[in-house]
PDB file of all heavy atoms in Angstrom:
ATOM      1  N   PHE A   1      -9.948 -12.274  -5.799  1.00  0.00           N
ATOM      2  CA  PHE A   1      -9.220 -11.053  -5.714  1.00  0.00           C
ATOM      3  C   PHE A   1      -9.228 -10.219  -6.906  1.00  0.00           C
ATOM      4  O   PHE A   1      -8.587  -9.186  -7.024  1.00  0.00           O
ATOM      5  CB  PHE A   1      -7.769 -11.336  -5.260  1.00  0.00           C
ATOM      6  CG  PHE A   1      -7.684 -11.820  -3.834  1.00  0.00           C
ATOM      7  CD1 PHE A   1      -7.828 -13.136  -3.522  1.00  0.00           C
ATOM      8  CD2 PHE A   1      -7.477 -10.891  -2.841  1.00  0.00           C
ATOM      9  CE1 PHE A   1      -7.790 -13.543  -2.249  1.00  0.00           C
ATOM     10  CE2 PHE A   1      -7.453 -11.323  -1.499  1.00  0.00           C
ATOM     11  CZ  PHE A   1      -7.575 -12.635  -1.220  1.00  0.00           C
ATOM     12  N   THR A   2     -10.042 -10.600  -7.901  1.00  0.00           N
ATOM     13  CA  THR A   2     -10.240  -9.815  -9.129  1.00  0.00           C
ATOM     14  C   THR A   2     -10.829  -8.425  -8.698  1.00  0.00           C
ATOM     15  O   THR A   2     -11.830  -8.367  -7.986  1.00  0.00           O
ATOM     16  CB  THR A   2     -11.155 -10.490 -10.090  1.00  0.00           C
ATOM     17  OG1 THR A   2     -10.636 -11.768 -10.431  1.00  0.00           O
ATOM     18  CG2 THR A   2     -11.371  -9.654 -11.337  1.00  0.00           C
ATOM     19  N   GLY A   3     -10.194  -7.380  -9.214  1.00  0.00           N
ATOM     20  CA  GLY A   3     -10.694  -6.062  -8.914  1.00  0.00           C
ATOM     21  C   GLY A   3     -10.277  -5.474  -7.548  1.00  0.00           C
ATOM     22  O   GLY A   3     -10.692  -4.414  -7.215  1.00  0.00           O
ATOM     23  N   LEU A   4      -9.394  -6.217  -6.833  1.00  0.00           N
ATOM     24  CA  LEU A   4      -8.977  -5.705  -5.562  1.00  0.00           C
ATOM     25  C   LEU A   4      -7.560  -5.059  -5.609  1.00  0.00           C
ATOM     26  O   LEU A   4      -6.766  -5.415  -6.375  1.00  0.00           O
ATOM     27  CB  LEU A   4      -8.899  -6.878  -4.564  1.00  0.00           C
ATOM     28  CG  LEU A   4     -10.223  -7.631  -4.233  1.00  0.00           C
ATOM     29  CD1 LEU A   4      -9.993  -8.688  -3.207  1.00  0.00           C
ATOM     30  CD2 LEU A   4     -11.272  -6.614  -3.814  1.00  0.00           C
ATOM     31  N   THR A   5      -7.450  -4.116  -4.702  1.00  0.00           N
ATOM     32  CA  THR A   5      -6.143  -3.539  -4.373  1.00  0.00           C
ATOM     33  C   THR A   5      -5.654  -4.082  -3.035  1.00  0.00           C
ATOM     34  O   THR A   5      -6.431  -4.103  -2.053  1.00  0.00           O
ATOM     35  CB  THR A   5      -6.190  -2.037  -4.359  1.00  0.00           C
ATOM     36  OG1 THR A   5      -6.430  -1.548  -5.636  1.00  0.00           O
ATOM     37  CG2 THR A   5      -4.885  -1.450  -3.832  1.00  0.00           C
ATOM     38  N   MET A   6      -4.416  -4.545  -2.949  1.00  0.00           N
ATOM     39  CA  MET A   6      -3.874  -4.912  -1.690  1.00  0.00           C
ATOM     40  C   MET A   6      -2.757  -3.954  -1.359  1.00  0.00           C
ATOM     41  O   MET A   6      -1.941  -3.614  -2.258  1.00  0.00           O
ATOM     42  CB  MET A   6      -3.324  -6.340  -1.764  1.00  0.00           C
ATOM     43  CG  MET A   6      -4.423  -7.362  -2.062  1.00  0.00           C
ATOM     44  SD  MET A   6      -3.828  -9.093  -1.954  1.00  0.00           S
ATOM     45  CE  MET A   6      -3.675  -9.219  -0.158  1.00  0.00           C
ATOM     46  N   GLY A   7      -2.711  -3.533  -0.160  1.00  0.00           N
ATOM     47  CA  GLY A   7      -1.698  -2.571   0.260  1.00  0.00           C
ATOM     48  C   GLY A   7      -1.054  -2.901   1.586  1.00  0.00           C
ATOM     49  O   GLY A   7      -1.576  -3.659   2.407  1.00  0.00           O
ATOM     50  N   TRP A   8       0.034  -2.300   1.782  1.00  0.00           N
ATOM     51  CA  TRP A   8       0.799  -2.299   3.036  1.00  0.00           C
ATOM     52  C   TRP A   8       0.771  -0.896   3.626  1.00  0.00           C
ATOM     53  O   TRP A   8       1.091   0.078   2.919  1.00  0.00           O
ATOM     54  CB  TRP A   8       2.222  -2.796   2.880  1.00  0.00           C
ATOM     55  CG  TRP A   8       2.342  -4.270   2.629  1.00  0.00           C
ATOM     56  CD1 TRP A   8       2.517  -4.843   1.453  1.00  0.00           C
ATOM     57  CD2 TRP A   8       2.357  -5.295   3.683  1.00  0.00           C
ATOM     58  NE1 TRP A   8       2.616  -6.209   1.633  1.00  0.00           N
ATOM     59  CE2 TRP A   8       2.498  -6.512   2.950  1.00  0.00           C
ATOM     60  CE3 TRP A   8       2.212  -5.300   5.068  1.00  0.00           C
ATOM     61  CZ2 TRP A   8       2.547  -7.752   3.650  1.00  0.00           C
ATOM     62  CZ3 TRP A   8       2.300  -6.493   5.727  1.00  0.00           C
ATOM     63  CH2 TRP A   8       2.424  -7.714   5.009  1.00  0.00           C
ATOM     64  N   PHE A   9       0.462  -0.859   4.925  1.00  0.00           N
ATOM     65  CA  PHE A   9       0.545   0.372   5.688  1.00  0.00           C
ATOM     66  C   PHE A   9       1.413   0.128   6.945  1.00  0.00           C
ATOM     67  O   PHE A   9       1.623  -0.965   7.269  1.00  0.00           O
ATOM     68  CB  PHE A   9      -0.844   0.867   6.124  1.00  0.00           C
ATOM     69  CG  PHE A   9      -1.708   1.403   5.051  1.00  0.00           C
ATOM     70  CD1 PHE A   9      -2.368   0.487   4.127  1.00  0.00           C
ATOM     71  CD2 PHE A   9      -1.917   2.726   4.861  1.00  0.00           C
ATOM     72  CE1 PHE A   9      -3.174   0.976   3.097  1.00  0.00           C
ATOM     73  CE2 PHE A   9      -2.734   3.229   3.805  1.00  0.00           C
ATOM     74  CZ  PHE A   9      -3.345   2.332   2.954  1.00  0.00           C
ATOM     75  N   ARG A  10       1.842   1.238   7.521  1.00  0.00           N
ATOM     76  CA  ARG A  10       2.547   1.059   8.755  1.00  0.00           C
ATOM     77  C   ARG A  10       2.130   2.194   9.727  1.00  0.00           C
ATOM     78  O   ARG A  10       1.712   3.277   9.285  1.00  0.00           O
ATOM     79  CB  ARG A  10       4.110   1.063   8.603  1.00  0.00           C
ATOM     80  CG  ARG A  10       4.633   2.426   8.068  1.00  0.00           C
ATOM     81  CD  ARG A  10       6.088   2.210   7.756  1.00  0.00           C
ATOM     82  NE  ARG A  10       6.745   3.495   7.383  1.00  0.00           N
ATOM     83  CZ  ARG A  10       8.000   3.681   7.029  1.00  0.00           C
ATOM     84  NH1 ARG A  10       8.794   2.557   6.979  1.00  0.00           N
ATOM     85  NH2 ARG A  10       8.515   4.823   6.688  1.00  0.00           N
ATOM     86  N   GLN A  11       2.303   1.937  10.995  1.00  0.00           N
ATOM     87  CA  GLN A  11       1.918   2.920  12.022  1.00  0.00           C
ATOM     88  C   GLN A  11       2.901   2.804  13.149  1.00  0.00           C
ATOM     89  O   GLN A  11       3.046   1.788  13.820  1.00  0.00           O
ATOM     90  CB  GLN A  11       0.515   2.718  12.490  1.00  0.00           C
ATOM     91  CG  GLN A  11      -0.033   3.772  13.426  1.00  0.00           C
ATOM     92  CD  GLN A  11      -1.499   3.731  13.632  1.00  0.00           C
ATOM     93  OE1 GLN A  11      -2.157   2.676  13.452  1.00  0.00           O
ATOM     94  NE2 GLN A  11      -2.125   4.911  13.963  1.00  0.00           N
ATOM     95  N   ALA A  12       3.590   3.915  13.403  1.00  0.00           N
ATOM     96  CA  ALA A  12       4.520   4.017  14.503  1.00  0.00           C
ATOM     97  C   ALA A  12       3.766   4.649  15.650  1.00  0.00           C
ATOM     98  O   ALA A  12       2.780   5.333  15.507  1.00  0.00           O
ATOM     99  CB  ALA A  12       5.713   4.879  14.092  1.00  0.00           C
ATOM    100  N   PRO A  13       4.283   4.412  16.903  1.00  0.00           N
ATOM    101  CA  PRO A  13       3.623   5.060  18.051  1.00  0.00           C
ATOM    102  C   PRO A  13       3.473   6.546  17.939  1.00  0.00           C
ATOM    103  O   PRO A  13       4.436   7.270  17.608  1.00  0.00           O
ATOM    104  CB  PRO A  13       4.543   4.669  19.228  1.00  0.00           C
ATOM    105  CG  PRO A  13       5.219   3.383  18.736  1.00  0.00           C
ATOM    106  CD  PRO A  13       5.401   3.623  17.268  1.00  0.00           C
ATOM    107  N   GLY A  14       2.259   7.005  18.179  1.00  0.00           N
ATOM    108  CA  GLY A  14       2.002   8.424  18.153  1.00  0.00           C
ATOM    109  C   GLY A  14       1.850   9.028  16.752  1.00  0.00           C
ATOM    110  O   GLY A  14       1.720  10.262  16.685  1.00  0.00           O
ATOM    111  N   LYS A  15       1.892   8.201  15.790  1.00  0.00           N
ATOM    112  CA  LYS A  15       1.753   8.710  14.389  1.00  0.00           C
ATOM    113  C   LYS A  15       0.575   8.079  13.669  1.00  0.00           C
ATOM    114  O   LYS A  15       0.050   7.006  14.099  1.00  0.00           O
ATOM    115  CB  LYS A  15       3.001   8.377  13.605  1.00  0.00           C
ATOM    116  CG  LYS A  15       4.268   9.075  14.147  1.00  0.00           C
ATOM    117  CD  LYS A  15       5.499   8.679  13.321  1.00  0.00           C
ATOM    118  CE  LYS A  15       5.447   9.240  11.929  1.00  0.00           C
ATOM    119  NZ  LYS A  15       6.702   8.948  11.171  1.00  0.00           N
ATOM    120  N   GLU A  16       0.091   8.732  12.621  1.00  0.00           N
ATOM    121  CA  GLU A  16      -0.971   8.226  11.822  1.00  0.00           C
ATOM    122  C   GLU A  16      -0.528   7.048  10.982  1.00  0.00           C
ATOM    123  O   GLU A  16       0.657   6.951  10.647  1.00  0.00           O
ATOM    124  CB  GLU A  16      -1.579   9.307  10.972  1.00  0.00           C
ATOM    125  CG  GLU A  16      -2.288  10.389  11.734  1.00  0.00           C
ATOM    126  CD  GLU A  16      -3.019  11.400  10.840  1.00  0.00           C
ATOM    127  OE1 GLU A  16      -2.718  11.433   9.605  1.00  0.00           O
ATOM    128  OE2 GLU A  16      -3.888  12.116  11.322  1.00  0.00           O
ATOM    129  N   ARG A  17      -1.456   6.248  10.571  1.00  0.00           N
ATOM    130  CA  ARG A  17      -1.162   5.139   9.679  1.00  0.00           C
ATOM    131  C   ARG A  17      -0.730   5.682   8.316  1.00  0.00           C
ATOM    132  O   ARG A  17      -1.350   6.574   7.783  1.00  0.00           O
ATOM    133  CB  ARG A  17      -2.416   4.239   9.566  1.00  0.00           C
ATOM    134  CG  ARG A  17      -2.128   2.903   8.968  1.00  0.00           C
ATOM    135  CD  ARG A  17      -3.234   1.909   9.263  1.00  0.00           C
ATOM    136  NE  ARG A  17      -3.360   1.640  10.662  1.00  0.00           N
ATOM    137  CZ  ARG A  17      -4.136   0.718  11.201  1.00  0.00           C
ATOM    138  NH1 ARG A  17      -4.918   0.002  10.425  1.00  0.00           N
ATOM    139  NH2 ARG A  17      -4.212   0.594  12.513  1.00  0.00           N
ATOM    140  N   GLU A  18       0.334   5.130   7.806  1.00  0.00           N
ATOM    141  CA  GLU A  18       1.023   5.627   6.655  1.00  0.00           C
ATOM    142  C   GLU A  18       1.072   4.571   5.551  1.00  0.00           C
ATOM    143  O   GLU A  18       1.385   3.413   5.777  1.00  0.00           O
ATOM    144  CB  GLU A  18       2.447   6.004   7.024  1.00  0.00           C
ATOM    145  CG  GLU A  18       3.378   6.433   5.897  1.00  0.00           C
ATOM    146  CD  GLU A  18       4.818   6.608   6.318  1.00  0.00           C
ATOM    147  OE1 GLU A  18       5.221   5.990   7.346  1.00  0.00           O
ATOM    148  OE2 GLU A  18       5.547   7.265   5.621  1.00  0.00           O
ATOM    149  N   PHE A  19       0.759   4.999   4.346  1.00  0.00           N
ATOM    150  CA  PHE A  19       0.818   4.079   3.210  1.00  0.00           C
ATOM    151  C   PHE A  19       2.271   3.727   2.869  1.00  0.00           C
ATOM    152  O   PHE A  19       3.094   4.595   2.912  1.00  0.00           O
ATOM    153  CB  PHE A  19       0.166   4.755   1.966  1.00  0.00           C
ATOM    154  CG  PHE A  19       0.199   3.919   0.754  1.00  0.00           C
ATOM    155  CD1 PHE A  19      -0.648   2.891   0.493  1.00  0.00           C
ATOM    156  CD2 PHE A  19       1.228   4.182  -0.204  1.00  0.00           C
ATOM    157  CE1 PHE A  19      -0.580   2.120  -0.673  1.00  0.00           C
ATOM    158  CE2 PHE A  19       1.277   3.442  -1.360  1.00  0.00           C
ATOM    159  CZ  PHE A  19       0.418   2.388  -1.591  1.00  0.00           C
ATOM    160  N   VAL A  20       2.456   2.480   2.566  1.00  0.00           N
ATOM    161  CA  VAL A  20       3.807   1.978   2.259  1.00  0.00           C
ATOM    162  C   VAL A  20       3.863   1.587   0.784  1.00  0.00           C
ATOM    163  O   VAL A  20       4.684   2.112   0.014  1.00  0.00           O
ATOM    164  CB  VAL A  20       4.219   0.800   3.113  1.00  0.00           C
ATOM    165  CG1 VAL A  20       5.553   0.175   2.665  1.00  0.00           C
ATOM    166  CG2 VAL A  20       4.280   1.276   4.580  1.00  0.00           C
ATOM    167  N   ALA A  21       3.025   0.664   0.359  1.00  0.00           N
ATOM    168  CA  ALA A  21       3.028   0.165  -0.983  1.00  0.00           C
ATOM    169  C   ALA A  21       1.728  -0.521  -1.318  1.00  0.00           C
ATOM    170  O   ALA A  21       1.042  -1.061  -0.385  1.00  0.00           O
ATOM    171  CB  ALA A  21       4.201  -0.840  -1.211  1.00  0.00           C
ATOM    172  N   GLY A  22       1.348  -0.584  -2.564  1.00  0.00           N
ATOM    173  CA  GLY A  22       0.123  -1.231  -2.981  1.00  0.00           C
ATOM    174  C   GLY A  22       0.284  -1.967  -4.309  1.00  0.00           C
ATOM    175  O   GLY A  22       1.171  -1.627  -5.109  1.00  0.00           O
ATOM    176  N   ILE A  23      -0.606  -2.926  -4.547  1.00  0.00           N
ATOM    177  CA  ILE A  23      -0.605  -3.639  -5.801  1.00  0.00           C
ATOM    178  C   ILE A  23      -2.019  -4.008  -6.178  1.00  0.00           C
ATOM    179  O   ILE A  23      -2.807  -4.384  -5.294  1.00  0.00           O
ATOM    180  CB  ILE A  23       0.296  -4.903  -5.685  1.00  0.00           C
ATOM    181  CG1 ILE A  23       0.352  -5.603  -7.016  1.00  0.00           C
ATOM    182  CG2 ILE A  23      -0.252  -5.859  -4.648  1.00  0.00           C
ATOM    183  CD1 ILE A  23       1.463  -6.664  -7.028  1.00  0.00           C
ATOM    184  N   ASN A  24      -2.367  -3.821  -7.417  1.00  0.00           N
ATOM    185  CA  ASN A  24      -3.680  -4.239  -7.928  1.00  0.00           C
ATOM    186  C   ASN A  24      -3.551  -5.708  -8.321  1.00  0.00           C
ATOM    187  O   ASN A  24      -2.651  -6.114  -9.076  1.00  0.00           O
ATOM    188  CB  ASN A  24      -4.062  -3.407  -9.129  1.00  0.00           C
ATOM    189  CG  ASN A  24      -4.519  -2.001  -8.726  1.00  0.00           C
ATOM    190  OD1 ASN A  24      -5.016  -1.809  -7.613  1.00  0.00           O
ATOM    191  ND2 ASN A  24      -4.338  -1.046  -9.638  1.00  0.00           N
ATOM    192  N   TRP A  25      -4.453  -6.534  -7.811  1.00  0.00           N
ATOM    193  CA  TRP A  25      -4.339  -7.948  -7.944  1.00  0.00           C
ATOM    194  C   TRP A  25      -4.376  -8.425  -9.396  1.00  0.00           C
ATOM    195  O   TRP A  25      -3.545  -9.220  -9.833  1.00  0.00           O
ATOM    196  CB  TRP A  25      -5.412  -8.634  -7.147  1.00  0.00           C
ATOM    197  CG  TRP A  25      -5.186 -10.143  -7.030  1.00  0.00           C
ATOM    198  CD1 TRP A  25      -5.745 -11.136  -7.743  1.00  0.00           C
ATOM    199  CD2 TRP A  25      -4.226 -10.726  -6.153  1.00  0.00           C
ATOM    200  NE1 TRP A  25      -5.258 -12.337  -7.370  1.00  0.00           N
ATOM    201  CE2 TRP A  25      -4.273 -12.111  -6.376  1.00  0.00           C
ATOM    202  CE3 TRP A  25      -3.295 -10.253  -5.219  1.00  0.00           C
ATOM    203  CZ2 TRP A  25      -3.459 -13.013  -5.738  1.00  0.00           C
ATOM    204  CZ3 TRP A  25      -2.483 -11.108  -4.566  1.00  0.00           C
ATOM    205  CH2 TRP A  25      -2.620 -12.532  -4.812  1.00  0.00           C
ATOM    206  N   SER A  26      -5.308  -7.935 -10.146  1.00  0.00           N
ATOM    207  CA  SER A  26      -5.503  -8.393 -11.492  1.00  0.00           C
ATOM    208  C   SER A  26      -4.430  -7.894 -12.459  1.00  0.00           C
ATOM    209  O   SER A  26      -3.804  -8.660 -13.171  1.00  0.00           O
ATOM    210  CB  SER A  26      -6.900  -7.959 -12.073  1.00  0.00           C
ATOM    211  OG  SER A  26      -7.926  -8.621 -11.323  1.00  0.00           O
ATOM    212  N   GLY A  27      -4.190  -6.604 -12.486  1.00  0.00           N
ATOM    213  CA  GLY A  27      -3.247  -6.033 -13.414  1.00  0.00           C
ATOM    214  C   GLY A  27      -1.796  -6.089 -12.952  1.00  0.00           C
ATOM    215  O   GLY A  27      -0.841  -6.059 -13.781  1.00  0.00           O
ATOM    216  N   GLY A  28      -1.612  -6.108 -11.651  1.00  0.00           N
ATOM    217  CA  GLY A  28      -0.264  -6.161 -11.082  1.00  0.00           C
ATOM    218  C   GLY A  28       0.445  -4.786 -10.992  1.00  0.00           C
ATOM    219  O   GLY A  28       1.634  -4.779 -10.646  1.00  0.00           O
ATOM    220  N   SER A  29      -0.263  -3.739 -11.287  1.00  0.00           N
ATOM    221  CA  SER A  29       0.358  -2.433 -11.138  1.00  0.00           C
ATOM    222  C   SER A  29       0.644  -2.128  -9.718  1.00  0.00           C
ATOM    223  O   SER A  29      -0.075  -2.614  -8.775  1.00  0.00           O
ATOM    224  CB  SER A  29      -0.509  -1.319 -11.746  1.00  0.00           C
ATOM    225  OG  SER A  29      -1.780  -1.336 -11.105  1.00  0.00           O
ATOM    226  N   THR A  30       1.734  -1.428  -9.465  1.00  0.00           N
ATOM    227  CA  THR A  30       2.180  -1.119  -8.111  1.00  0.00           C
ATOM    228  C   THR A  30       2.365   0.318  -7.879  1.00  0.00           C
ATOM    229  O   THR A  30       2.456   1.139  -8.804  1.00  0.00           O
ATOM    230  CB  THR A  30       3.478  -1.873  -7.815  1.00  0.00           C
ATOM    231  OG1 THR A  30       4.500  -1.439  -8.735  1.00  0.00           O
ATOM    232  CG2 THR A  30       3.363  -3.349  -7.912  1.00  0.00           C
ATOM    233  N   TYR A  31       2.385   0.692  -6.605  1.00  0.00           N
ATOM    234  CA  TYR A  31       2.579   2.100  -6.218  1.00  0.00           C
ATOM    235  C   TYR A  31       3.250   2.143  -4.894  1.00  0.00           C
ATOM    236  O   TYR A  31       3.016   1.304  -4.004  1.00  0.00           O
ATOM    237  CB  TYR A  31       1.223   2.796  -6.148  1.00  0.00           C
ATOM    238  CG  TYR A  31       1.303   4.299  -5.877  1.00  0.00           C
ATOM    239  CD1 TYR A  31       1.558   5.165  -6.912  1.00  0.00           C
ATOM    240  CD2 TYR A  31       1.190   4.790  -4.561  1.00  0.00           C
ATOM    241  CE1 TYR A  31       1.679   6.530  -6.683  1.00  0.00           C
ATOM    242  CE2 TYR A  31       1.269   6.158  -4.343  1.00  0.00           C
ATOM    243  CZ  TYR A  31       1.536   7.027  -5.417  1.00  0.00           C
ATOM    244  OH  TYR A  31       1.608   8.402  -5.199  1.00  0.00           O
ATOM    245  N   TYR A  32       4.204   3.031  -4.709  1.00  0.00           N
ATOM    246  CA  TYR A  32       5.004   3.130  -3.547  1.00  0.00           C
ATOM    247  C   TYR A  32       4.970   4.532  -2.909  1.00  0.00           C
ATOM    248  O   TYR A  32       4.992   5.522  -3.665  1.00  0.00           O
ATOM    249  CB  TYR A  32       6.434   2.748  -3.824  1.00  0.00           C
ATOM    250  CG  TYR A  32       6.668   1.346  -4.299  1.00  0.00           C
ATOM    251  CD1 TYR A  32       6.602   1.003  -5.642  1.00  0.00           C
ATOM    252  CD2 TYR A  32       6.854   0.290  -3.373  1.00  0.00           C
ATOM    253  CE1 TYR A  32       6.788  -0.273  -6.087  1.00  0.00           C
ATOM    254  CE2 TYR A  32       7.081  -1.007  -3.762  1.00  0.00           C
ATOM    255  CZ  TYR A  32       6.985  -1.298  -5.139  1.00  0.00           C
ATOM    256  OH  TYR A  32       7.206  -2.592  -5.553  1.00  0.00           O
ATOM    257  N   ALA A  33       5.105   4.617  -1.626  1.00  0.00           N
ATOM    258  CA  ALA A  33       5.394   5.886  -1.054  1.00  0.00           C
ATOM    259  C   ALA A  33       6.741   6.363  -1.515  1.00  0.00           C
ATOM    260  O   ALA A  33       7.700   5.598  -1.649  1.00  0.00           O
ATOM    261  CB  ALA A  33       5.425   5.722   0.528  1.00  0.00           C
ATOM    262  N   ASP A  34       6.785   7.653  -1.825  1.00  0.00           N
ATOM    263  CA  ASP A  34       8.011   8.198  -2.417  1.00  0.00           C
ATOM    264  C   ASP A  34       9.221   7.976  -1.552  1.00  0.00           C
ATOM    265  O   ASP A  34      10.365   7.743  -2.091  1.00  0.00           O
ATOM    266  CB  ASP A  34       7.801   9.731  -2.640  1.00  0.00           C
ATOM    267  CG  ASP A  34       6.871  10.028  -3.791  1.00  0.00           C
ATOM    268  OD1 ASP A  34       6.595   9.134  -4.622  1.00  0.00           O
ATOM    269  OD2 ASP A  34       6.413  11.118  -3.877  1.00  0.00           O
ATOM    270  N   SER A  35       9.068   8.069  -0.265  1.00  0.00           N
ATOM    271  CA  SER A  35      10.206   7.915   0.648  1.00  0.00           C
ATOM    272  C   SER A  35      10.751   6.553   0.678  1.00  0.00           C
ATOM    273  O   SER A  35      11.899   6.295   1.171  1.00  0.00           O
ATOM    274  CB  SER A  35       9.839   8.411   2.034  1.00  0.00           C
ATOM    275  OG  SER A  35       8.791   7.600   2.586  1.00  0.00           O
ATOM    276  N   LEU A  36       9.974   5.570   0.235  1.00  0.00           N
ATOM    277  CA  LEU A  36      10.378   4.147   0.365  1.00  0.00           C
ATOM    278  C   LEU A  36      10.694   3.507  -0.953  1.00  0.00           C
ATOM    279  O   LEU A  36      11.301   2.402  -0.954  1.00  0.00           O
ATOM    280  CB  LEU A  36       9.215   3.371   1.027  1.00  0.00           C
ATOM    281  CG  LEU A  36       8.804   3.828   2.392  1.00  0.00           C
ATOM    282  CD1 LEU A  36       7.537   3.064   2.846  1.00  0.00           C
ATOM    283  CD2 LEU A  36       9.932   3.733   3.380  1.00  0.00           C
TER     284      LEU A  36
END
């Protein structure tokens, strides 16, 4: 998993897939959707 980003997305019926949160495996930096 070196060099990988892992993320969570979600998709509600009738809506596009939406980014929720992500983390870089090696460094551990994270990012979140503003609303969440």
